Amino acid sequence: MLLSNLGKLTHLDIDTKAKNDFVTKVDKESEECIVRILKEKTPDFDILTEETTPGEMKGEYKWIIDPLDGTTNYIHSFPFFAISIALEEKGNIVLGLVYDPLRKELFFAEKGEGAFLNDKKISVSKRSKLGECFLATGFPFRAHSYIDGYLKIFKEMFLKSSGVRRAGSAVLDLAYTACGRLDGFWEMKLSPWDVAAGSLIIKEAGGKVSDWEGGEGYIFTGNIVGSNGHIHTEMLAIIKEHFRF
């Protein structure tokens, strides 16, 4: 579905939720397809997407879905977007997958069982010096009031690392950190469906994930740091220096 519509959208297929925040007919169709299958297989599980609200959730199990992360990229045929699905059990993420349909790469993790890319087990990088590390981030396009402080963080990360990329899909940035293509990632004001699957994949690959204060609140705050673990403390220190909580 995603590939068959790539490059074929018109302005009639795109809705604007807010400035720089779009949803396409493909987002909606992808979500409908995923939700239909999950309801057939697990009818008693709750499902959280952009179209539902947490107040509707009552069960012990909850699917957390992003049917198309990187919508703006997709609209412009920029080849960096993915599907993200996570399963939460009693408040804990126990299953996560991120699928890149262009590259046919499935990043997958089950709690306690390790992380995989297709059929190959993956692990985070071993780089321990920030100056040798390759980072990624995203900008707070829904929270423009934070941009000045965010750019200060970006500047210091850029100057102290070997490079920073902003490619436009948080779920893929997290997956790339899990398999060692990136050494660390940070972003703010994300949604649960942006971070749920990728955070588990990083942890199962031997990395570390936290909120910006070093705690476990990233699912709720949307402020996340994911890394190979070796540079985590230094990344947090840079963020705390420039961001007022």
C-alpha atoms as a PDB file:
ATOM      1  CA  MET A   1       0.000   0.000   0.000  1.00  0.00           C
ATOM      2  CA  LEU A   2       2.703   2.506   0.960  1.00  0.00           C
ATOM      3  CA  LEU A   3       4.898   1.695  -2.014  1.00  0.00           C
ATOM      4  CA  SER A   4       2.068   1.576  -4.541  1.00  0.00           C
ATOM      5  CA  ASN A   5       1.022   5.130  -3.619  1.00  0.00           C
ATOM      6  CA  LEU A   6       4.515   6.605  -3.261  1.00  0.00           C
ATOM      7  CA  GLY A   7       4.881   9.667  -5.486  1.00  0.00           C
ATOM      8  CA  LYS A   8       1.218   9.607  -6.535  1.00  0.00           C
ATOM      9  CA  LEU A   9      -0.444  11.773  -3.883  1.00  0.00           C
ATOM     10  CA  THR A  10      -2.202  15.000  -4.859  1.00  0.00           C
ATOM     11  CA  HIS A  11      -3.178  17.895  -2.613  1.00  0.00           C
ATOM     12  CA  LEU A  12      -6.631  16.296  -2.356  1.00  0.00           C
ATOM     13  CA  ASP A  13      -5.062  13.280  -0.631  1.00  0.00           C
ATOM     14  CA  ILE A  14      -3.344  15.339   2.087  1.00  0.00           C
ATOM     15  CA  ASP A  15      -4.909  16.949   5.161  1.00  0.00           C
ATOM     16  CA  THR A  16      -3.095  19.527   7.287  1.00  0.00           C
ATOM     17  CA  LYS A  17      -3.569  18.994  11.040  1.00  0.00           C
ATOM     18  CA  ALA A  18      -1.285  21.904  11.941  1.00  0.00           C
ATOM     19  CA  LYS A  19       1.671  23.733  10.437  1.00  0.00           C
ATOM     20  CA  ASN A  20       4.143  21.114   9.127  1.00  0.00           C
ATOM     21  CA  ASP A  21       1.902  18.329  10.487  1.00  0.00           C
ATOM     22  CA  PHE A  22       0.181  16.312   7.783  1.00  0.00           C
ATOM     23  CA  VAL A  23      -1.928  13.198   7.388  1.00  0.00           C
ATOM     24  CA  THR A  24      -2.528  11.498   4.054  1.00  0.00           C
ATOM     25  CA  LYS A  25      -5.080   9.035   2.757  1.00  0.00           C
ATOM     26  CA  VAL A  26      -2.249   6.487   2.902  1.00  0.00           C
ATOM     27  CA  ASP A  27      -1.792   7.066   6.669  1.00  0.00           C
ATOM     28  CA  LYS A  28      -5.490   6.390   7.123  1.00  0.00           C
ATOM     29  CA  GLU A  29      -5.634   3.350   4.843  1.00  0.00           C
ATOM     30  CA  SER A  30      -2.502   1.842   6.382  1.00  0.00           C
ATOM     31  CA  GLU A  31      -3.924   2.351   9.865  1.00  0.00           C
ATOM     32  CA  GLU A  32      -7.267   0.816   8.894  1.00  0.00           C
ATOM     33  CA  CYS A  33      -5.516  -2.238   7.460  1.00  0.00           C
ATOM     34  CA  ILE A  34      -3.301  -2.771  10.524  1.00  0.00           C
ATOM     35  CA  VAL A  35      -6.158  -2.212  12.980  1.00  0.00           C
ATOM     36  CA  ARG A  36      -8.443  -4.606  11.106  1.00  0.00           C
ATOM     37  CA  ILE A  37      -5.858  -7.406  11.217  1.00  0.00           C
ATOM     38  CA  LEU A  38      -5.022  -6.847  14.888  1.00  0.00           C
ATOM     39  CA  LYS A  39      -8.697  -6.797  15.868  1.00  0.00           C
ATOM     40  CA  GLU A  40      -9.191 -10.102  14.069  1.00  0.00           C
ATOM     41  CA  LYS A  41      -6.210 -11.720  15.801  1.00  0.00           C
ATOM     42  CA  THR A  42      -6.509 -10.076  19.239  1.00  0.00           C
ATOM     43  CA  PRO A  43     -10.096  -8.837  19.643  1.00  0.00           C
ATOM     44  CA  ASP A  44      -9.742  -8.140  23.372  1.00  0.00           C
ATOM     45  CA  PHE A  45      -6.648  -5.934  23.075  1.00  0.00           C
ATOM     46  CA  ASP A  46      -6.878  -2.139  23.152  1.00  0.00           C
ATOM     47  CA  ILE A  47      -5.459  -0.181  20.235  1.00  0.00           C
ATOM     48  CA  LEU A  48      -3.813   3.245  20.488  1.00  0.00           C
ATOM     49  CA  THR A  49      -3.260   5.325  17.362  1.00  0.00           C
ATOM     50  CA  GLU A  50      -3.466   9.010  16.518  1.00  0.00           C
ATOM     51  CA  GLU A  51      -7.225   8.581  16.053  1.00  0.00           C
ATOM     52  CA  THR A  52      -7.898   7.144  19.531  1.00  0.00           C
ATOM     53  CA  THR A  53      -7.517   8.566  23.028  1.00  0.00           C
ATOM     54  CA  PRO A  54      -5.856   6.990  26.098  1.00  0.00           C
ATOM     55  CA  GLY A  55      -9.131   7.351  28.010  1.00  0.00           C
ATOM     56  CA  GLU A  56     -10.654   4.608  25.880  1.00  0.00           C
ATOM     57  CA  MET A  57      -8.086   2.049  27.070  1.00  0.00           C
ATOM     58  CA  LYS A  58      -9.318  -0.519  29.622  1.00  0.00           C
ATOM     59  CA  GLY A  59      -7.512  -3.813  29.028  1.00  0.00           C
ATOM     60  CA  GLU A  60      -4.189  -5.286  30.131  1.00  0.00           C
ATOM     61  CA  TYR A  61      -2.870  -5.397  26.563  1.00  0.00           C
ATOM     62  CA  LYS A  62      -2.584  -2.477  24.181  1.00  0.00           C
ATOM     63  CA  TRP A  63      -1.284  -2.183  20.635  1.00  0.00           C
ATOM     64  CA  ILE A  64       0.452   1.146  19.924  1.00  0.00           C
ATOM     65  CA  ILE A  65       0.543   1.914  16.214  1.00  0.00           C
ATOM     66  CA  ASP A  66       2.098   4.452  13.878  1.00  0.00           C
ATOM     67  CA  PRO A  67       0.913   3.429  10.394  1.00  0.00           C
ATOM     68  CA  LEU A  68       3.290   5.846   8.676  1.00  0.00           C
ATOM     69  CA  ASP A  69       6.072   7.622  10.536  1.00  0.00           C
ATOM     70  CA  GLY A  70       7.725  10.176   8.300  1.00  0.00           C
ATOM     71  CA  THR A  71       4.583  11.398   6.548  1.00  0.00           C
ATOM     72  CA  THR A  72       6.219  14.576   5.234  1.00  0.00           C
ATOM     73  CA  ASN A  73       9.042  12.481   3.795  1.00  0.00           C
ATOM     74  CA  TYR A  74       6.483  10.198   2.170  1.00  0.00           C
ATOM     75  CA  ILE A  75       4.600  13.122   0.632  1.00  0.00           C
ATOM     76  CA  HIS A  76       7.812  14.323  -1.018  1.00  0.00           C
ATOM     77  CA  SER A  77       9.019  10.820  -1.986  1.00  0.00           C
ATOM     78  CA  PHE A  78      11.966  11.249   0.382  1.00  0.00           C
ATOM     79  CA  PRO A  79      12.925   7.622   1.072  1.00  0.00           C
ATOM     80  CA  PHE A  80      12.888   7.546   4.872  1.00  0.00           C
ATOM     81  CA  PHE A  81       9.622   6.415   6.444  1.00  0.00           C
ATOM     82  CA  ALA A  82       8.355   3.362   8.289  1.00  0.00           C
ATOM     83  CA  ILE A  83       5.553   1.551  10.088  1.00  0.00           C
ATOM     84  CA  SER A  84       5.808   1.086  13.861  1.00  0.00           C
ATOM     85  CA  ILE A  85       3.823  -1.337  16.033  1.00  0.00           C
ATOM     86  CA  ALA A  86       4.346  -2.055  19.739  1.00  0.00           C
ATOM     87  CA  LEU A  87       2.511  -4.185  22.278  1.00  0.00           C
ATOM     88  CA  GLU A  88       2.120  -2.965  25.845  1.00  0.00           C
ATOM     89  CA  GLU A  89       1.326  -5.392  28.661  1.00  0.00           C
ATOM     90  CA  LYS A  90       0.235  -3.860  31.969  1.00  0.00           C
ATOM     91  CA  GLY A  91       2.162  -0.668  31.227  1.00  0.00           C
ATOM     92  CA  ASN A  92       5.323  -2.344  29.903  1.00  0.00           C
ATOM     93  CA  ILE A  93       6.344  -2.562  26.248  1.00  0.00           C
ATOM     94  CA  VAL A  94       6.902  -6.267  25.520  1.00  0.00           C
ATOM     95  CA  LEU A  95       6.962  -6.350  21.717  1.00  0.00           C
ATOM     96  CA  GLY A  96       8.151  -3.864  19.120  1.00  0.00           C
ATOM     97  CA  LEU A  97       8.568  -3.824  15.375  1.00  0.00           C
ATOM     98  CA  VAL A  98       9.597  -1.179  12.878  1.00  0.00           C
ATOM     99  CA  TYR A  99       9.218  -1.949   9.183  1.00  0.00           C
ATOM    100  CA  ASP A 100      10.885  -0.019   6.373  1.00  0.00           C
ATOM    101  CA  PRO A 101       8.985  -1.078   3.227  1.00  0.00           C
ATOM    102  CA  LEU A 102      11.446   0.528   0.815  1.00  0.00           C
ATOM    103  CA  ARG A 103      14.432  -1.454   2.073  1.00  0.00           C
ATOM    104  CA  LYS A 104      12.353  -4.433   3.215  1.00  0.00           C
ATOM    105  CA  GLU A 105      13.935  -4.180   6.650  1.00  0.00           C
ATOM    106  CA  LEU A 106      12.034  -5.429   9.679  1.00  0.00           C
ATOM    107  CA  PHE A 107      13.487  -4.410  13.042  1.00  0.00           C
ATOM    108  CA  PHE A 108      11.956  -6.569  15.757  1.00  0.00           C
ATOM    109  CA  ALA A 109      12.278  -7.183  19.485  1.00  0.00           C
ATOM    110  CA  GLU A 110      10.491  -9.169  22.158  1.00  0.00           C
ATOM    111  CA  LYS A 111      11.228  -8.333  25.773  1.00  0.00           C
ATOM    112  CA  GLY A 112      13.987 -10.575  27.074  1.00  0.00           C
ATOM    113  CA  GLU A 113      14.669 -12.176  23.683  1.00  0.00           C
ATOM    114  CA  GLY A 114      17.051  -9.721  21.986  1.00  0.00           C
ATOM    115  CA  ALA A 115      16.624  -7.548  18.905  1.00  0.00           C
ATOM    116  CA  PHE A 116      16.717  -8.523  15.249  1.00  0.00           C
ATOM    117  CA  LEU A 117      16.922  -7.040  11.770  1.00  0.00           C
ATOM    118  CA  ASN A 118      15.064  -9.487   9.560  1.00  0.00           C
ATOM    119  CA  ASP A 119      16.598 -12.799  10.712  1.00  0.00           C
ATOM    120  CA  LYS A 120      19.886 -11.396  12.028  1.00  0.00           C
ATOM    121  CA  LYS A 121      20.463 -10.496  15.672  1.00  0.00           C
ATOM    122  CA  ILE A 122      21.566  -6.889  16.141  1.00  0.00           C
ATOM    123  CA  SER A 123      23.369  -4.897  18.801  1.00  0.00           C
ATOM    124  CA  VAL A 124      24.204  -1.276  19.454  1.00  0.00           C
ATOM    125  CA  SER A 125      27.597   0.190  18.585  1.00  0.00           C
ATOM    126  CA  LYS A 126      30.574   0.054  20.922  1.00  0.00           C
ATOM    127  CA  ARG A 127      31.790   3.629  20.414  1.00  0.00           C
ATOM    128  CA  SER A 128      32.389   5.307  23.752  1.00  0.00           C
ATOM    129  CA  LYS A 129      33.731   8.728  22.762  1.00  0.00           C
ATOM    130  CA  LEU A 130      31.113  11.259  21.700  1.00  0.00           C
ATOM    131  CA  GLY A 131      33.578  12.792  19.258  1.00  0.00           C
ATOM    132  CA  GLU A 132      33.546   9.536  17.272  1.00  0.00           C
ATOM    133  CA  CYS A 133      29.778   9.105  17.387  1.00  0.00           C
ATOM    134  CA  PHE A 134      27.133   9.618  14.700  1.00  0.00           C
ATOM    135  CA  LEU A 135      23.880  11.070  16.039  1.00  0.00           C
ATOM    136  CA  ALA A 136      20.363  11.822  14.852  1.00  0.00           C
ATOM    137  CA  THR A 137      17.595  14.102  16.026  1.00  0.00           C
ATOM    138  CA  GLY A 138      14.332  15.698  15.030  1.00  0.00           C
ATOM    139  CA  PHE A 139      13.041  19.209  15.587  1.00  0.00           C
ATOM    140  CA  PRO A 140       9.966  20.081  17.719  1.00  0.00           C
ATOM    141  CA  PHE A 141       7.693  21.061  14.833  1.00  0.00           C
ATOM    142  CA  ARG A 142       4.601  20.903  17.069  1.00  0.00           C
ATOM    143  CA  ALA A 143       6.207  23.033  19.820  1.00  0.00           C
ATOM    144  CA  HIS A 144       7.879  26.040  18.223  1.00  0.00           C
ATOM    145  CA  SER A 145       8.343  27.799  21.567  1.00  0.00           C
ATOM    146  CA  TYR A 146      11.140  25.330  22.371  1.00  0.00           C
ATOM    147  CA  ILE A 147      13.145  25.856  19.201  1.00  0.00           C
ATOM    148  CA  ASP A 148      15.735  28.326  20.555  1.00  0.00           C
ATOM    149  CA  GLY A 149      16.793  26.060  23.413  1.00  0.00           C
ATOM    150  CA  TYR A 150      16.644  23.059  21.116  1.00  0.00           C
ATOM    151  CA  LEU A 151      19.003  24.650  18.641  1.00  0.00           C
ATOM    152  CA  LYS A 152      21.512  25.227  21.451  1.00  0.00           C
ATOM    153  CA  ILE A 153      21.404  21.500  22.191  1.00  0.00           C
ATOM    154  CA  PHE A 154      21.768  20.744  18.491  1.00  0.00           C
ATOM    155  CA  LYS A 155      24.772  23.046  18.169  1.00  0.00           C
ATOM    156  CA  GLU A 156      26.666  21.425  21.032  1.00  0.00           C
ATOM    157  CA  MET A 157      25.818  17.890  19.908  1.00  0.00           C
ATOM    158  CA  PHE A 158      26.981  18.826  16.409  1.00  0.00           C
ATOM    159  CA  LEU A 159      30.250  20.332  17.617  1.00  0.00           C
ATOM    160  CA  LYS A 160      31.069  17.464  19.983  1.00  0.00           C
ATOM    161  CA  SER A 161      30.126  14.530  17.733  1.00  0.00           C
ATOM    162  CA  SER A 162      31.249  13.291  14.340  1.00  0.00           C
ATOM    163  CA  GLY A 163      27.956  14.391  12.819  1.00  0.00           C
ATOM    164  CA  VAL A 164      24.221  14.845  13.343  1.00  0.00           C
ATOM    165  CA  ARG A 165      21.456  13.902  10.928  1.00  0.00           C
ATOM    166  CA  ARG A 166      17.820  14.993  10.880  1.00  0.00           C
ATOM    167  CA  ALA A 167      16.145  12.564   8.477  1.00  0.00           C
ATOM    168  CA  GLY A 168      12.525  12.898   9.583  1.00  0.00           C
ATOM    169  CA  SER A 169      11.474   9.516  11.021  1.00  0.00           C
ATOM    170  CA  ALA A 170      11.961   8.996  14.747  1.00  0.00           C
ATOM    171  CA  VAL A 171      11.046   5.315  14.584  1.00  0.00           C
ATOM    172  CA  LEU A 172      13.776   4.638  12.017  1.00  0.00           C
ATOM    173  CA  ASP A 173      16.291   6.758  13.938  1.00  0.00           C
ATOM    174  CA  LEU A 174      15.647   4.583  16.990  1.00  0.00           C
ATOM    175  CA  ALA A 175      15.920   1.396  14.936  1.00  0.00           C
ATOM    176  CA  TYR A 176      19.161   2.607  13.361  1.00  0.00           C
ATOM    177  CA  THR A 177      20.544   3.287  16.828  1.00  0.00           C
ATOM    178  CA  ALA A 178      19.646  -0.261  17.826  1.00  0.00           C
ATOM    179  CA  CYS A 179      21.613  -1.805  14.960  1.00  0.00           C
ATOM    180  CA  GLY A 180      24.646   0.487  15.229  1.00  0.00           C
ATOM    181  CA  ARG A 181      24.101   2.645  12.156  1.00  0.00           C
ATOM    182  CA  LEU A 182      23.663   5.500  14.615  1.00  0.00           C
ATOM    183  CA  ASP A 183      25.191   5.827  18.069  1.00  0.00           C
ATOM    184  CA  GLY A 184      22.536   8.034  19.630  1.00  0.00           C
ATOM    185  CA  PHE A 185      19.263   9.872  19.071  1.00  0.00           C
ATOM    186  CA  TRP A 186      17.348  12.563  20.911  1.00  0.00           C
ATOM    187  CA  GLU A 187      14.073  14.364  20.297  1.00  0.00           C
ATOM    188  CA  MET A 188      11.267  16.024  22.231  1.00  0.00           C
ATOM    189  CA  LYS A 189       7.466  16.193  22.258  1.00  0.00           C
ATOM    190  CA  LEU A 190       6.990  12.910  20.430  1.00  0.00           C
ATOM    191  CA  SER A 191       3.910  10.708  20.783  1.00  0.00           C
ATOM    192  CA  PRO A 192       3.751   7.202  22.298  1.00  0.00           C
ATOM    193  CA  TRP A 193       3.485   5.611  18.838  1.00  0.00           C
ATOM    194  CA  ASP A 194       6.723   7.357  17.823  1.00  0.00           C
ATOM    195  CA  VAL A 195       8.829   5.806  20.585  1.00  0.00           C
ATOM    196  CA  ALA A 196       7.179   2.655  21.963  1.00  0.00           C
ATOM    197  CA  ALA A 197       8.536   0.076  19.507  1.00  0.00           C
ATOM    198  CA  GLY A 198      11.925   1.665  18.875  1.00  0.00           C
ATOM    199  CA  SER A 199      12.706   2.097  22.554  1.00  0.00           C
ATOM    200  CA  LEU A 200      12.270  -1.623  23.216  1.00  0.00           C
ATOM    201  CA  ILE A 201      14.366  -2.535  20.178  1.00  0.00           C
ATOM    202  CA  ILE A 202      17.240  -0.366  21.462  1.00  0.00           C
ATOM    203  CA  LYS A 203      17.050  -1.876  24.948  1.00  0.00           C
ATOM    204  CA  GLU A 204      16.992  -5.421  23.606  1.00  0.00           C
ATOM    205  CA  ALA A 205      19.985  -4.564  21.397  1.00  0.00           C
ATOM    206  CA  GLY A 206      21.968  -3.631  24.511  1.00  0.00           C
ATOM    207  CA  GLY A 207      21.428   0.119  24.447  1.00  0.00           C
ATOM    208  CA  LYS A 208      19.855   2.597  26.813  1.00  0.00           C
ATOM    209  CA  VAL A 209      16.702   4.712  26.596  1.00  0.00           C
ATOM    210  CA  SER A 210      15.521   7.440  28.942  1.00  0.00           C
ATOM    211  CA  ASP A 211      13.634  10.686  29.101  1.00  0.00           C
ATOM    212  CA  TRP A 212      15.595  13.943  29.211  1.00  0.00           C
ATOM    213  CA  GLU A 213      15.938  13.745  32.990  1.00  0.00           C
ATOM    214  CA  GLY A 214      17.325  10.221  32.882  1.00  0.00           C
ATOM    215  CA  GLY A 215      14.072   8.564  33.939  1.00  0.00           C
ATOM    216  CA  GLU A 216      11.573   6.211  32.314  1.00  0.00           C
ATOM    217  CA  GLY A 217       8.922   8.780  31.405  1.00  0.00           C
ATOM    218  CA  TYR A 218       9.675   9.075  27.690  1.00  0.00           C
ATOM    219  CA  ILE A 219       6.461   7.337  26.586  1.00  0.00           C
ATOM    220  CA  PHE A 220       4.417   9.994  28.387  1.00  0.00           C
ATOM    221  CA  THR A 221       6.572  13.114  27.963  1.00  0.00           C
ATOM    222  CA  GLY A 222       7.743  12.353  24.435  1.00  0.00           C
ATOM    223  CA  ASN A 223      11.208  13.624  25.398  1.00  0.00           C
ATOM    224  CA  ILE A 224      13.584  10.783  24.586  1.00  0.00           C
ATOM    225  CA  VAL A 225      17.260   9.901  24.403  1.00  0.00           C
ATOM    226  CA  GLY A 226      18.248   6.560  22.920  1.00  0.00           C
ATOM    227  CA  SER A 227      21.884   5.524  22.685  1.00  0.00           C
ATOM    228  CA  ASN A 228      24.417   2.729  22.715  1.00  0.00           C
ATOM    229  CA  GLY A 229      24.668   3.361  26.461  1.00  0.00           C
ATOM    230  CA  HIS A 230      28.290   4.509  26.432  1.00  0.00           C
ATOM    231  CA  ILE A 231      27.482   8.120  25.520  1.00  0.00           C
ATOM    232  CA  HIS A 232      24.135   8.379  27.281  1.00  0.00           C
ATOM    233  CA  THR A 233      25.305  10.346  30.308  1.00  0.00           C
ATOM    234  CA  GLU A 234      27.153  12.859  28.142  1.00  0.00           C
ATOM    235  CA  MET A 235      24.141  13.357  25.876  1.00  0.00           C
ATOM    236  CA  LEU A 236      21.906  13.959  28.892  1.00  0.00           C
ATOM    237  CA  ALA A 237      24.394  16.466  30.322  1.00  0.00           C
ATOM    238  CA  ILE A 238      24.309  18.501  27.107  1.00  0.00           C
ATOM    239  CA  ILE A 239      20.513  18.501  27.084  1.00  0.00           C
ATOM    240  CA  LYS A 240      20.248  19.507  30.742  1.00  0.00           C
ATOM    241  CA  GLU A 241      22.705  22.356  30.229  1.00  0.00           C
ATOM    242  CA  HIS A 242      20.509  24.024  27.625  1.00  0.00           C
ATOM    243  CA  PHE A 243      16.958  22.917  28.404  1.00  0.00           C
ATOM    244  CA  ARG A 244      14.898  24.130  31.351  1.00  0.00           C
ATOM    245  CA  PHE A 245      12.460  21.488  32.622  1.00  0.00           C
END
